């Protein structure tokens, strides 16, 4: 049974409900300590959603307020010209490939939304 999870949220404007479901699950799992460790990554369309959808942005801010800092992909952020917006929300903007690889090597279960 997995004790540590990596939640990758890649859904965006085409499926905001799916992105918000993933964020809600990850936030609640971390806040309520359902698992040892919960990490959140925004990748692709979800990064843009964070800058355009107030409800999703609010969920991210709640997580950050509680010490759960999601990572966003710097490559996507640069391409979409949204790096400053993501940083202003409080997200960490980094190259995601090495981060995902590191968590997989550590045995984290990957869940995608």
C-alpha atoms as a PDB file:
ATOM      1  CA  UNK A   1       0.000   0.000   0.000  1.00  0.00           C
ATOM      2  CA  UNK A   2       1.300   3.410  -0.958  1.00  0.00           C
ATOM      3  CA  UNK A   3       2.115   5.747   1.906  1.00  0.00           C
ATOM      4  CA  UNK A   4       3.375   8.589  -0.289  1.00  0.00           C
ATOM      5  CA  UNK A   5       1.669  10.014  -3.366  1.00  0.00           C
ATOM      6  CA  UNK A   6       2.511  12.406  -6.137  1.00  0.00           C
ATOM      7  CA  UNK A   7      -0.600  14.057  -7.531  1.00  0.00           C
ATOM      8  CA  UNK A   8      -0.067  15.397 -11.047  1.00  0.00           C
ATOM      9  CA  UNK A   9      -2.809  17.744 -12.181  1.00  0.00           C
ATOM     10  CA  UNK A  10      -2.665  18.238 -15.933  1.00  0.00           C
ATOM     11  CA  UNK A  11      -6.314  18.970 -16.744  1.00  0.00           C
ATOM     12  CA  UNK A  12      -7.076  22.556 -17.592  1.00  0.00           C
ATOM     13  CA  UNK A  13      -9.784  24.688 -19.136  1.00  0.00           C
ATOM     14  CA  UNK A  14     -11.159  21.674 -21.035  1.00  0.00           C
ATOM     15  CA  UNK A  15     -11.937  19.913 -17.729  1.00  0.00           C
ATOM     16  CA  UNK A  16     -11.707  22.321 -14.787  1.00  0.00           C
ATOM     17  CA  UNK A  17     -13.827  20.047 -12.619  1.00  0.00           C
ATOM     18  CA  UNK A  18     -11.268  17.270 -12.984  1.00  0.00           C
ATOM     19  CA  UNK A  19      -8.436  19.615 -12.011  1.00  0.00           C
ATOM     20  CA  UNK A  20     -10.375  20.865  -8.984  1.00  0.00           C
ATOM     21  CA  UNK A  21     -11.228  17.298  -7.933  1.00  0.00           C
ATOM     22  CA  UNK A  22      -7.532  16.416  -8.019  1.00  0.00           C
ATOM     23  CA  UNK A  23      -6.597  19.502  -6.072  1.00  0.00           C
ATOM     24  CA  UNK A  24      -9.317  18.916  -3.491  1.00  0.00           C
ATOM     25  CA  UNK A  25      -8.228  15.301  -2.992  1.00  0.00           C
ATOM     26  CA  UNK A  26      -4.544  16.195  -2.689  1.00  0.00           C
ATOM     27  CA  UNK A  27      -5.230  19.063  -0.308  1.00  0.00           C
ATOM     28  CA  UNK A  28      -7.498  16.988   1.940  1.00  0.00           C
ATOM     29  CA  UNK A  29      -5.125  13.999   1.909  1.00  0.00           C
ATOM     30  CA  UNK A  30      -2.254  16.231   3.006  1.00  0.00           C
ATOM     31  CA  UNK A  31      -4.186  18.356   5.492  1.00  0.00           C
ATOM     32  CA  UNK A  32      -5.874  15.376   7.153  1.00  0.00           C
ATOM     33  CA  UNK A  33      -2.722  13.238   7.047  1.00  0.00           C
ATOM     34  CA  UNK A  34      -4.415  10.360   5.234  1.00  0.00           C
ATOM     35  CA  UNK A  35      -0.945   9.457   3.910  1.00  0.00           C
ATOM     36  CA  UNK A  36       2.627  10.068   5.016  1.00  0.00           C
ATOM     37  CA  UNK A  37       3.419  12.535   2.244  1.00  0.00           C
ATOM     38  CA  UNK A  38       1.419  14.193  -0.522  1.00  0.00           C
ATOM     39  CA  UNK A  39       3.115  16.206  -3.265  1.00  0.00           C
ATOM     40  CA  UNK A  40       1.274  18.224  -5.922  1.00  0.00           C
ATOM     41  CA  UNK A  41       2.460  19.078  -9.407  1.00  0.00           C
ATOM     42  CA  UNK A  42       0.692  21.295 -11.911  1.00  0.00           C
ATOM     43  CA  UNK A  43       1.689  20.370 -15.434  1.00  0.00           C
ATOM     44  CA  UNK A  44       0.553  21.733 -18.770  1.00  0.00           C
ATOM     45  CA  UNK A  45      -3.019  23.021 -19.020  1.00  0.00           C
ATOM     46  CA  UNK A  46      -3.526  23.125 -15.247  1.00  0.00           C
ATOM     47  CA  UNK A  47      -0.866  25.804 -14.993  1.00  0.00           C
ATOM     48  CA  UNK A  48      -2.836  28.115 -17.242  1.00  0.00           C
ATOM     49  CA  UNK A  49      -6.027  27.188 -15.366  1.00  0.00           C
ATOM     50  CA  UNK A  50      -4.377  28.405 -12.165  1.00  0.00           C
ATOM     51  CA  UNK A  51      -4.006  31.842 -13.741  1.00  0.00           C
ATOM     52  CA  UNK A  52      -7.500  32.078 -15.268  1.00  0.00           C
ATOM     53  CA  UNK A  53      -9.885  30.222 -12.937  1.00  0.00           C
ATOM     54  CA  UNK A  54     -10.513  31.988  -9.632  1.00  0.00           C
ATOM     55  CA  UNK A  55     -11.907  28.900  -7.876  1.00  0.00           C
ATOM     56  CA  UNK A  56      -8.887  26.773  -8.787  1.00  0.00           C
ATOM     57  CA  UNK A  57      -6.496  29.588  -7.818  1.00  0.00           C
ATOM     58  CA  UNK A  58      -8.278  29.887  -4.483  1.00  0.00           C
ATOM     59  CA  UNK A  59      -7.810  26.171  -3.830  1.00  0.00           C
ATOM     60  CA  UNK A  60      -4.106  26.528  -4.547  1.00  0.00           C
ATOM     61  CA  UNK A  61      -3.845  29.485  -2.180  1.00  0.00           C
ATOM     62  CA  UNK A  62      -5.560  27.468   0.567  1.00  0.00           C
ATOM     63  CA  UNK A  63      -3.032  24.672   0.133  1.00  0.00           C
ATOM     64  CA  UNK A  64      -0.118  27.099   0.159  1.00  0.00           C
ATOM     65  CA  UNK A  65      -1.494  28.821   3.264  1.00  0.00           C
ATOM     66  CA  UNK A  66      -1.425  25.416   4.978  1.00  0.00           C
ATOM     67  CA  UNK A  67       2.172  24.748   3.930  1.00  0.00           C
ATOM     68  CA  UNK A  68       1.456  22.546   0.901  1.00  0.00           C
ATOM     69  CA  UNK A  69       3.450  24.164  -1.916  1.00  0.00           C
ATOM     70  CA  UNK A  70       2.619  22.767  -5.369  1.00  0.00           C
ATOM     71  CA  UNK A  71       5.257  22.731  -8.086  1.00  0.00           C
ATOM     72  CA  UNK A  72       4.556  23.997 -11.601  1.00  0.00           C
ATOM     73  CA  UNK A  73       6.577  23.218 -14.716  1.00  0.00           C
ATOM     74  CA  UNK A  74       8.955  26.025 -15.630  1.00  0.00           C
ATOM     75  CA  UNK A  75       9.052  24.949 -19.272  1.00  0.00           C
ATOM     76  CA  UNK A  76       5.297  25.232 -19.673  1.00  0.00           C
ATOM     77  CA  UNK A  77       5.174  28.426 -17.642  1.00  0.00           C
ATOM     78  CA  UNK A  78       7.801  30.038 -19.859  1.00  0.00           C
ATOM     79  CA  UNK A  79       6.103  28.897 -23.059  1.00  0.00           C
ATOM     80  CA  UNK A  80       2.730  30.236 -21.867  1.00  0.00           C
ATOM     81  CA  UNK A  81       4.324  33.403 -20.430  1.00  0.00           C
ATOM     82  CA  UNK A  82       2.715  32.811 -17.011  1.00  0.00           C
ATOM     83  CA  UNK A  83       5.750  32.326 -14.766  1.00  0.00           C
ATOM     84  CA  UNK A  84       5.210  35.578 -12.853  1.00  0.00           C
ATOM     85  CA  UNK A  85       1.515  34.832 -12.352  1.00  0.00           C
ATOM     86  CA  UNK A  86       2.279  31.372 -10.960  1.00  0.00           C
ATOM     87  CA  UNK A  87       4.953  32.755  -8.658  1.00  0.00           C
ATOM     88  CA  UNK A  88       2.554  35.445  -7.432  1.00  0.00           C
ATOM     89  CA  UNK A  89       0.109  32.689  -6.446  1.00  0.00           C
ATOM     90  CA  UNK A  90       2.882  31.192  -4.315  1.00  0.00           C
ATOM     91  CA  UNK A  91       3.698  28.149  -6.438  1.00  0.00           C
ATOM     92  CA  UNK A  92       7.218  26.862  -6.909  1.00  0.00           C
ATOM     93  CA  UNK A  93       8.098  26.969 -10.625  1.00  0.00           C
ATOM     94  CA  UNK A  94      10.765  24.417 -11.512  1.00  0.00           C
ATOM     95  CA  UNK A  95      11.894  21.960 -14.188  1.00  0.00           C
ATOM     96  CA  UNK A  96       9.406  19.149 -13.523  1.00  0.00           C
ATOM     97  CA  UNK A  97      11.099  16.164 -15.180  1.00  0.00           C
ATOM     98  CA  UNK A  98      13.763  15.732 -12.496  1.00  0.00           C
ATOM     99  CA  UNK A  99      11.225  16.272  -9.710  1.00  0.00           C
ATOM    100  CA  UNK A 100       8.800  13.634 -11.008  1.00  0.00           C
ATOM    101  CA  UNK A 101      11.676  11.213 -11.627  1.00  0.00           C
ATOM    102  CA  UNK A 102      12.947  11.703  -8.088  1.00  0.00           C
ATOM    103  CA  UNK A 103       9.578  10.927  -6.513  1.00  0.00           C
ATOM    104  CA  UNK A 104       9.078   7.867  -8.716  1.00  0.00           C
ATOM    105  CA  UNK A 105      12.526   6.563  -7.717  1.00  0.00           C
ATOM    106  CA  UNK A 106      11.562   7.059  -4.065  1.00  0.00           C
ATOM    107  CA  UNK A 107       8.491   4.855  -4.596  1.00  0.00           C
ATOM    108  CA  UNK A 108       5.766   7.500  -4.601  1.00  0.00           C
ATOM    109  CA  UNK A 109       2.492   6.383  -6.134  1.00  0.00           C
ATOM    110  CA  UNK A 110       1.590   8.695  -9.028  1.00  0.00           C
ATOM    111  CA  UNK A 111      -2.034   9.794  -9.413  1.00  0.00           C
ATOM    112  CA  UNK A 112      -3.087  12.003 -12.305  1.00  0.00           C
ATOM    113  CA  UNK A 113      -6.086  14.258 -12.755  1.00  0.00           C
END
